[in-house]
Amino acid sequence: MVTLNFAVALFRAERFIGRVWDPACGGGNILTAAHQCGIERVGSDVVQRQGVGGVFFDERDFLEWPLDYFIADNLVTNPPFGRGK
């Protein structure tokens, strides 16, 4: 799990231009950190998530998205390793 402090450090160290998408947003630490750093963000996950700053847009496994479908300029995620198909 990505801690909020680690995610904030990432967004301060790297330059992101445009919207960030976390397709495995979980509890929203990456999205919260992006917001704290003034970055536009959007998230999705396999289950409907509440409390991720009103930026949750879809309930879907990110492995099922078409390869040419992107809703953001940047992809930042920490997928649930070990739970793959």
PDB file of N, CA and C in Angstrom:
ATOM      1  N   MET A   1       0.838  -1.185   0.000  1.00  0.00           N
ATOM      2  CA  MET A   1       0.000   0.000   0.000  1.00  0.00           C
ATOM      3  C   MET A   1       0.879   1.244   0.000  1.00  0.00           C
ATOM      4  N   VAL A   2       0.561   2.178  -0.832  1.00  0.00           N
ATOM      5  CA  VAL A   2       1.295   3.436  -0.900  1.00  0.00           C
ATOM      6  C   VAL A   2       0.799   4.345   0.216  1.00  0.00           C
ATOM      7  N   THR A   3       1.727   4.817   1.035  1.00  0.00           N
ATOM      8  CA  THR A   3       1.320   5.745   2.084  1.00  0.00           C
ATOM      9  C   THR A   3       1.120   7.134   1.493  1.00  0.00           C
ATOM     10  N   LEU A   4       0.326   7.928   2.180  1.00  0.00           N
ATOM     11  CA  LEU A   4       0.059   9.286   1.721  1.00  0.00           C
ATOM     12  C   LEU A   4       1.360  10.076   1.614  1.00  0.00           C
ATOM     13  N   ASN A   5       2.244   9.953   2.592  1.00  0.00           N
ATOM     14  CA  ASN A   5       3.505  10.705   2.575  1.00  0.00           C
ATOM     15  C   ASN A   5       4.384  10.312   1.391  1.00  0.00           C
ATOM     16  N   PHE A   6       4.425   9.023   1.069  1.00  0.00           N
ATOM     17  CA  PHE A   6       5.212   8.569  -0.069  1.00  0.00           C
ATOM     18  C   PHE A   6       4.651   9.130  -1.370  1.00  0.00           C
ATOM     19  N   ALA A   7       3.335   9.101  -1.506  1.00  0.00           N
ATOM     20  CA  ALA A   7       2.707   9.615  -2.724  1.00  0.00           C
ATOM     21  C   ALA A   7       2.924  11.120  -2.870  1.00  0.00           C
ATOM     22  N   VAL A   8       2.834  11.866  -1.782  1.00  0.00           N
ATOM     23  CA  VAL A   8       3.096  13.309  -1.829  1.00  0.00           C
ATOM     24  C   VAL A   8       4.546  13.547  -2.265  1.00  0.00           C
ATOM     25  N   ALA A   9       5.474  12.761  -1.720  1.00  0.00           N
ATOM     26  CA  ALA A   9       6.883  12.903  -2.102  1.00  0.00           C
ATOM     27  C   ALA A   9       7.076  12.642  -3.594  1.00  0.00           C
ATOM     28  N   LEU A  10       6.364  11.658  -4.136  1.00  0.00           N
ATOM     29  CA  LEU A  10       6.443  11.380  -5.572  1.00  0.00           C
ATOM     30  C   LEU A  10       5.982  12.583  -6.388  1.00  0.00           C
ATOM     31  N   PHE A  11       4.843  13.149  -6.036  1.00  0.00           N
ATOM     32  CA  PHE A  11       4.302  14.271  -6.797  1.00  0.00           C
ATOM     33  C   PHE A  11       5.132  15.544  -6.647  1.00  0.00           C
ATOM     34  N   ARG A  12       5.876  15.657  -5.572  1.00  0.00           N
ATOM     35  CA  ARG A  12       6.768  16.809  -5.412  1.00  0.00           C
ATOM     36  C   ARG A  12       8.080  16.610  -6.154  1.00  0.00           C
ATOM     37  N   ALA A  13       8.498  15.351  -6.303  1.00  0.00           N
ATOM     38  CA  ALA A  13       9.781  15.060  -6.953  1.00  0.00           C
ATOM     39  C   ALA A  13       9.670  14.996  -8.477  1.00  0.00           C
ATOM     40  N   GLU A  14       8.541  14.536  -8.976  1.00  0.00           N
ATOM     41  CA  GLU A  14       8.347  14.372 -10.412  1.00  0.00           C
ATOM     42  C   GLU A  14       7.366  15.418 -10.929  1.00  0.00           C
ATOM     43  N   ARG A  15       7.531  15.797 -12.186  1.00  0.00           N
ATOM     44  CA  ARG A  15       6.648  16.783 -12.792  1.00  0.00           C
ATOM     45  C   ARG A  15       5.584  16.056 -13.621  1.00  0.00           C
ATOM     46  N   PHE A  16       4.342  16.289 -13.289  1.00  0.00           N
ATOM     47  CA  PHE A  16       3.230  15.702 -14.027  1.00  0.00           C
ATOM     48  C   PHE A  16       2.475  16.822 -14.722  1.00  0.00           C
ATOM     49  N   ILE A  17       2.319  16.689 -16.031  1.00  0.00           N
ATOM     50  CA  ILE A  17       1.571  17.671 -16.808  1.00  0.00           C
ATOM     51  C   ILE A  17       0.268  17.020 -17.224  1.00  0.00           C
ATOM     52  N   GLY A  18      -0.835  17.619 -16.851  1.00  0.00           N
ATOM     53  CA  GLY A  18      -2.134  17.053 -17.174  1.00  0.00           C
ATOM     54  C   GLY A  18      -2.683  16.208 -16.047  1.00  0.00           C
ATOM     55  N   ARG A  19      -3.772  15.557 -16.340  1.00  0.00           N
ATOM     56  CA  ARG A  19      -4.517  14.762 -15.347  1.00  0.00           C
ATOM     57  C   ARG A  19      -3.788  13.458 -15.036  1.00  0.00           C
ATOM     58  N   VAL A  20      -3.875  13.041 -13.762  1.00  0.00           N
ATOM     59  CA  VAL A  20      -3.342  11.762 -13.298  1.00  0.00           C
ATOM     60  C   VAL A  20      -4.514  10.806 -13.092  1.00  0.00           C
ATOM     61  N   TRP A  21      -4.352   9.579 -13.564  1.00  0.00           N
ATOM     62  CA  TRP A  21      -5.361   8.532 -13.372  1.00  0.00           C
ATOM     63  C   TRP A  21      -4.753   7.415 -12.546  1.00  0.00           C
ATOM     64  N   ASP A  22      -5.426   7.038 -11.467  1.00  0.00           N
ATOM     65  CA  ASP A  22      -5.063   5.864 -10.684  1.00  0.00           C
ATOM     66  C   ASP A  22      -6.143   4.818 -10.938  1.00  0.00           C
ATOM     67  N   PRO A  23      -5.866   3.787 -11.775  1.00  0.00           N
ATOM     68  CA  PRO A  23      -6.879   2.800 -12.118  1.00  0.00           C
ATOM     69  C   PRO A  23      -7.092   1.715 -11.069  1.00  0.00           C
ATOM     70  N   ALA A  24      -6.333   1.770  -9.989  1.00  0.00           N
ATOM     71  CA  ALA A  24      -6.499   0.842  -8.871  1.00  0.00           C
ATOM     72  C   ALA A  24      -6.435   1.671  -7.588  1.00  0.00           C
ATOM     73  N   CYS A  25      -7.378   2.619  -7.472  1.00  0.00           N
ATOM     74  CA  CYS A  25      -7.236   3.684  -6.468  1.00  0.00           C
ATOM     75  C   CYS A  25      -7.422   3.254  -5.022  1.00  0.00           C
ATOM     76  N   GLY A  26      -8.026   2.116  -4.774  1.00  0.00           N
ATOM     77  CA  GLY A  26      -8.173   1.663  -3.385  1.00  0.00           C
ATOM     78  C   GLY A  26      -8.747   2.741  -2.501  1.00  0.00           C
ATOM     79  N   GLY A  27      -8.082   3.021  -1.398  1.00  0.00           N
ATOM     80  CA  GLY A  27      -8.546   4.030  -0.460  1.00  0.00           C
ATOM     81  C   GLY A  27      -8.284   5.462  -0.885  1.00  0.00           C
ATOM     82  N   GLY A  28      -7.554   5.658  -1.957  1.00  0.00           N
ATOM     83  CA  GLY A  28      -7.376   6.991  -2.505  1.00  0.00           C
ATOM     84  C   GLY A  28      -6.134   7.744  -2.095  1.00  0.00           C
ATOM     85  N   ASN A  29      -5.119   7.072  -1.558  1.00  0.00           N
ATOM     86  CA  ASN A  29      -3.909   7.790  -1.129  1.00  0.00           C
ATOM     87  C   ASN A  29      -3.228   8.524  -2.273  1.00  0.00           C
ATOM     88  N   ILE A  30      -3.104   7.896  -3.432  1.00  0.00           N
ATOM     89  CA  ILE A  30      -2.459   8.555  -4.562  1.00  0.00           C
ATOM     90  C   ILE A  30      -3.286   9.749  -5.012  1.00  0.00           C
ATOM     91  N   LEU A  31      -4.604   9.594  -5.066  1.00  0.00           N
ATOM     92  CA  LEU A  31      -5.484  10.688  -5.475  1.00  0.00           C
ATOM     93  C   LEU A  31      -5.456  11.839  -4.478  1.00  0.00           C
ATOM     94  N   THR A  32      -5.439  11.508  -3.200  1.00  0.00           N
ATOM     95  CA  THR A  32      -5.372  12.542  -2.160  1.00  0.00           C
ATOM     96  C   THR A  32      -4.060  13.318  -2.261  1.00  0.00           C
ATOM     97  N   ALA A  33      -2.967  12.595  -2.467  1.00  0.00           N
ATOM     98  CA  ALA A  33      -1.659  13.243  -2.593  1.00  0.00           C
ATOM     99  C   ALA A  33      -1.616  14.149  -3.820  1.00  0.00           C
ATOM    100  N   ALA A  34      -2.167  13.677  -4.942  1.00  0.00           N
ATOM    101  CA  ALA A  34      -2.207  14.504  -6.147  1.00  0.00           C
ATOM    102  C   ALA A  34      -2.982  15.785  -5.881  1.00  0.00           C
ATOM    103  N   HIS A  35      -4.094  15.661  -5.203  1.00  0.00           N
ATOM    104  CA  HIS A  35      -4.901  16.839  -4.859  1.00  0.00           C
ATOM    105  C   HIS A  35      -4.106  17.807  -3.987  1.00  0.00           C
ATOM    106  N   GLN A  36      -3.410  17.283  -2.985  1.00  0.00           N
ATOM    107  CA  GLN A  36      -2.619  18.128  -2.092  1.00  0.00           C
ATOM    108  C   GLN A  36      -1.512  18.869  -2.848  1.00  0.00           C
ATOM    109  N   CYS A  37      -1.079  18.295  -3.965  1.00  0.00           N
ATOM    110  CA  CYS A  37      -0.025  18.918  -4.760  1.00  0.00           C
ATOM    111  C   CYS A  37      -0.580  19.712  -5.937  1.00  0.00           C
ATOM    112  N   GLY A  38      -1.901  19.902  -5.961  1.00  0.00           N
ATOM    113  CA  GLY A  38      -2.519  20.726  -6.994  1.00  0.00           C
ATOM    114  C   GLY A  38      -2.635  20.059  -8.354  1.00  0.00           C
ATOM    115  N   ILE A  39      -2.665  18.741  -8.390  1.00  0.00           N
ATOM    116  CA  ILE A  39      -2.720  17.997  -9.647  1.00  0.00           C
ATOM    117  C   ILE A  39      -4.138  17.492  -9.879  1.00  0.00           C
ATOM    118  N   GLU A  40      -4.648  17.688 -11.087  1.00  0.00           N
ATOM    119  CA  GLU A  40      -5.966  17.158 -11.445  1.00  0.00           C
ATOM    120  C   GLU A  40      -5.884  15.639 -11.452  1.00  0.00           C
ATOM    121  N   ARG A  41      -6.900  14.962 -10.923  1.00  0.00           N
ATOM    122  CA  ARG A  41      -6.821  13.518 -10.781  1.00  0.00           C
ATOM    123  C   ARG A  41      -8.170  12.866 -10.961  1.00  0.00           C
ATOM    124  N   VAL A  42      -8.119  11.549 -11.277  1.00  0.00           N
ATOM    125  CA  VAL A  42      -9.306  10.731 -11.408  1.00  0.00           C
ATOM    126  C   VAL A  42      -8.917   9.302 -11.049  1.00  0.00           C
ATOM    127  N   GLY A  43      -9.872   8.555 -10.489  1.00  0.00           N
ATOM    128  CA  GLY A  43      -9.567   7.193 -10.076  1.00  0.00           C
ATOM    129  C   GLY A  43     -10.657   6.206 -10.450  1.00  0.00           C
ATOM    130  N   SER A  44     -10.265   4.945 -10.508  1.00  0.00           N
ATOM    131  CA  SER A  44     -11.204   3.854 -10.727  1.00  0.00           C
ATOM    132  C   SER A  44     -10.690   2.648  -9.954  1.00  0.00           C
ATOM    133  N   ASP A  45     -11.569   1.660  -9.756  1.00  0.00           N
ATOM    134  CA  ASP A  45     -11.181   0.456  -9.027  1.00  0.00           C
ATOM    135  C   ASP A  45     -12.208  -0.633  -9.318  1.00  0.00           C
ATOM    136  N   VAL A  46     -11.951  -1.842  -8.841  1.00  0.00           N
ATOM    137  CA  VAL A  46     -12.860  -2.953  -9.098  1.00  0.00           C
ATOM    138  C   VAL A  46     -14.158  -2.855  -8.309  1.00  0.00           C
ATOM    139  N   VAL A  47     -14.175  -2.048  -7.278  1.00  0.00           N
ATOM    140  CA  VAL A  47     -15.386  -1.812  -6.490  1.00  0.00           C
ATOM    141  C   VAL A  47     -15.604  -0.314  -6.356  1.00  0.00           C
ATOM    142  N   GLN A  48     -16.844   0.076  -6.154  1.00  0.00           N
ATOM    143  CA  GLN A  48     -17.164   1.495  -5.964  1.00  0.00           C
ATOM    144  C   GLN A  48     -16.464   2.000  -4.708  1.00  0.00           C
ATOM    145  N   ARG A  49     -15.741   3.068  -4.825  1.00  0.00           N
ATOM    146  CA  ARG A  49     -15.015   3.647  -3.691  1.00  0.00           C
ATOM    147  C   ARG A  49     -15.682   4.945  -3.265  1.00  0.00           C
ATOM    148  N   GLN A  50     -15.809   5.117  -1.993  1.00  0.00           N
ATOM    149  CA  GLN A  50     -16.341   6.355  -1.422  1.00  0.00           C
ATOM    150  C   GLN A  50     -15.192   7.090  -0.739  1.00  0.00           C
ATOM    151  N   GLY A  51     -15.307   8.369  -0.648  1.00  0.00           N
ATOM    152  CA  GLY A  51     -14.320   9.136   0.098  1.00  0.00           C
ATOM    153  C   GLY A  51     -13.000   9.337  -0.613  1.00  0.00           C
ATOM    154  N   VAL A  52     -12.998   9.306  -1.942  1.00  0.00           N
ATOM    155  CA  VAL A  52     -11.756   9.577  -2.655  1.00  0.00           C
ATOM    156  C   VAL A  52     -11.838  10.932  -3.352  1.00  0.00           C
ATOM    157  N   GLY A  53     -12.433  11.874  -2.673  1.00  0.00           N
ATOM    158  CA  GLY A  53     -12.430  13.248  -3.148  1.00  0.00           C
ATOM    159  C   GLY A  53     -13.343  13.543  -4.318  1.00  0.00           C
ATOM    160  N   GLY A  54     -14.371  12.710  -4.513  1.00  0.00           N
ATOM    161  CA  GLY A  54     -15.312  12.962  -5.591  1.00  0.00           C
ATOM    162  C   GLY A  54     -14.738  12.766  -6.974  1.00  0.00           C
ATOM    163  N   VAL A  55     -13.619  12.055  -7.086  1.00  0.00           N
ATOM    164  CA  VAL A  55     -12.979  11.875  -8.383  1.00  0.00           C
ATOM    165  C   VAL A  55     -13.058  10.433  -8.873  1.00  0.00           C
ATOM    166  N   PHE A  56     -13.789   9.584  -8.158  1.00  0.00           N
ATOM    167  CA  PHE A  56     -13.962   8.197  -8.590  1.00  0.00           C
ATOM    168  C   PHE A  56     -14.941   8.176  -9.744  1.00  0.00           C
ATOM    169  N   PHE A  57     -14.574   7.558 -10.875  1.00  0.00           N
ATOM    170  CA  PHE A  57     -15.461   7.634 -12.029  1.00  0.00           C
ATOM    171  C   PHE A  57     -15.966   6.296 -12.538  1.00  0.00           C
ATOM    172  N   ASP A  58     -15.328   5.165 -12.209  1.00  0.00           N
ATOM    173  CA  ASP A  58     -15.813   3.919 -12.760  1.00  0.00           C
ATOM    174  C   ASP A  58     -15.410   2.733 -11.898  1.00  0.00           C
ATOM    175  N   GLU A  59     -16.295   1.757 -11.888  1.00  0.00           N
ATOM    176  CA  GLU A  59     -16.067   0.511 -11.162  1.00  0.00           C
ATOM    177  C   GLU A  59     -15.721  -0.561 -12.185  1.00  0.00           C
ATOM    178  N   ARG A  60     -14.431  -0.810 -12.348  1.00  0.00           N
ATOM    179  CA  ARG A  60     -13.982  -1.781 -13.340  1.00  0.00           C
ATOM    180  C   ARG A  60     -12.551  -2.211 -13.032  1.00  0.00           C
ATOM    181  N   ASP A  61     -12.233  -3.451 -13.345  1.00  0.00           N
ATOM    182  CA  ASP A  61     -10.878  -3.963 -13.224  1.00  0.00           C
ATOM    183  C   ASP A  61     -10.014  -3.284 -14.292  1.00  0.00           C
ATOM    184  N   PHE A  62      -8.905  -2.692 -13.902  1.00  0.00           N
ATOM    185  CA  PHE A  62      -8.084  -1.967 -14.870  1.00  0.00           C
ATOM    186  C   PHE A  62      -7.511  -2.895 -15.936  1.00  0.00           C
ATOM    187  N   LEU A  63      -7.455  -4.183 -15.675  1.00  0.00           N
ATOM    188  CA  LEU A  63      -6.982  -5.128 -16.676  1.00  0.00           C
ATOM    189  C   LEU A  63      -7.984  -5.311 -17.817  1.00  0.00           C
ATOM    190  N   GLU A  64      -9.220  -4.848 -17.625  1.00  0.00           N
ATOM    191  CA  GLU A  64     -10.262  -4.980 -18.643  1.00  0.00           C
ATOM    192  C   GLU A  64     -10.414  -3.738 -19.520  1.00  0.00           C
ATOM    193  N   TRP A  65      -9.684  -2.667 -19.225  1.00  0.00           N
ATOM    194  CA  TRP A  65      -9.782  -1.466 -20.050  1.00  0.00           C
ATOM    195  C   TRP A  65      -9.172  -1.744 -21.414  1.00  0.00           C
ATOM    196  N   PRO A  66      -9.759  -1.216 -22.492  1.00  0.00           N
ATOM    197  CA  PRO A  66      -9.122  -1.341 -23.809  1.00  0.00           C
ATOM    198  C   PRO A  66      -7.749  -0.659 -23.787  1.00  0.00           C
ATOM    199  N   LEU A  67      -6.807  -1.207 -24.512  1.00  0.00           N
ATOM    200  CA  LEU A  67      -5.445  -0.660 -24.494  1.00  0.00           C
ATOM    201  C   LEU A  67      -5.366   0.768 -25.002  1.00  0.00           C
ATOM    202  N   ASP A  68      -6.291   1.180 -25.835  1.00  0.00           N
ATOM    203  CA  ASP A  68      -6.250   2.536 -26.378  1.00  0.00           C
ATOM    204  C   ASP A  68      -7.135   3.508 -25.612  1.00  0.00           C
ATOM    205  N   TYR A  69      -7.635   3.102 -24.446  1.00  0.00           N
ATOM    206  CA  TYR A  69      -8.524   3.960 -23.673  1.00  0.00           C
ATOM    207  C   TYR A  69      -7.744   4.635 -22.554  1.00  0.00           C
ATOM    208  N   PHE A  70      -7.600   5.927 -22.667  1.00  0.00           N
ATOM    209  CA  PHE A  70      -6.945   6.685 -21.604  1.00  0.00           C
ATOM    210  C   PHE A  70      -7.784   7.903 -21.293  1.00  0.00           C
ATOM    211  N   ILE A  71      -7.987   8.165 -20.028  1.00  0.00           N
ATOM    212  CA  ILE A  71      -8.777   9.315 -19.603  1.00  0.00           C
ATOM    213  C   ILE A  71      -7.888  10.365 -18.955  1.00  0.00           C
ATOM    214  N   ALA A  72      -6.583  10.132 -19.027  1.00  0.00           N
ATOM    215  CA  ALA A  72      -5.644  11.053 -18.390  1.00  0.00           C
ATOM    216  C   ALA A  72      -4.331  11.045 -19.161  1.00  0.00           C
ATOM    217  N   ASP A  73      -3.514  12.013 -18.850  1.00  0.00           N
ATOM    218  CA  ASP A  73      -2.209  12.126 -19.480  1.00  0.00           C
ATOM    219  C   ASP A  73      -1.146  11.285 -18.776  1.00  0.00           C
ATOM    220  N   ASN A  74      -1.423  10.942 -17.513  1.00  0.00           N
ATOM    221  CA  ASN A  74      -0.459  10.216 -16.690  1.00  0.00           C
ATOM    222  C   ASN A  74      -1.157   9.083 -15.973  1.00  0.00           C
ATOM    223  N   LEU A  75      -0.464   7.977 -15.799  1.00  0.00           N
ATOM    224  CA  LEU A  75      -0.970   6.839 -15.053  1.00  0.00           C
ATOM    225  C   LEU A  75      -0.074   6.643 -13.842  1.00  0.00           C
ATOM    226  N   VAL A  76      -0.634   6.772 -12.658  1.00  0.00           N
ATOM    227  CA  VAL A  76       0.109   6.560 -11.419  1.00  0.00           C
ATOM    228  C   VAL A  76      -0.717   5.610 -10.580  1.00  0.00           C
ATOM    229  N   THR A  77      -0.142   4.461 -10.254  1.00  0.00           N
ATOM    230  CA  THR A  77      -0.918   3.460  -9.525  1.00  0.00           C
ATOM    231  C   THR A  77      -0.007   2.551  -8.720  1.00  0.00           C
ATOM    232  N   ASN A  78      -0.586   1.856  -7.805  1.00  0.00           N
ATOM    233  CA  ASN A  78       0.068   0.809  -7.035  1.00  0.00           C
ATOM    234  C   ASN A  78      -0.915  -0.360  -7.013  1.00  0.00           C
ATOM    235  N   PRO A  79      -0.921  -1.158  -8.094  1.00  0.00           N
ATOM    236  CA  PRO A  79      -1.919  -2.220  -8.199  1.00  0.00           C
ATOM    237  C   PRO A  79      -1.718  -3.292  -7.138  1.00  0.00           C
ATOM    238  N   PRO A  80      -2.761  -4.052  -6.880  1.00  0.00           N
ATOM    239  CA  PRO A  80      -2.686  -5.096  -5.847  1.00  0.00           C
ATOM    240  C   PRO A  80      -1.906  -6.316  -6.351  1.00  0.00           C
ATOM    241  N   PHE A  81      -0.593  -6.269  -6.259  1.00  0.00           N
ATOM    242  CA  PHE A  81       0.248  -7.376  -6.703  1.00  0.00           C
ATOM    243  C   PHE A  81      -0.129  -8.651  -5.956  1.00  0.00           C
ATOM    244  N   GLY A  82      -0.026  -9.754  -6.635  1.00  0.00           N
ATOM    245  CA  GLY A  82      -0.374 -11.026  -6.012  1.00  0.00           C
ATOM    246  C   GLY A  82      -1.827 -11.395  -6.177  1.00  0.00           C
ATOM    247  N   ARG A  83      -2.619 -10.476  -6.709  1.00  0.00           N
ATOM    248  CA  ARG A  83      -4.032 -10.756  -6.906  1.00  0.00           C
ATOM    249  C   ARG A  83      -4.383 -10.769  -8.389  1.00  0.00           C
ATOM    250  N   GLY A  84      -3.344 -10.882  -9.228  1.00  0.00           N
ATOM    251  CA  GLY A  84      -3.543 -10.867 -10.673  1.00  0.00           C
ATOM    252  C   GLY A  84      -4.178 -12.142 -11.179  1.00  0.00           C
ATOM    253  N   LYS A  85      -4.616 -12.059 -12.411  1.00  0.00           N
ATOM    254  CA  LYS A  85      -5.267 -13.218 -13.037  1.00  0.00           C
ATOM    255  C   LYS A  85      -4.235 -14.172 -13.595  1.00  0.00           C
TER     256      LYS A  85
END
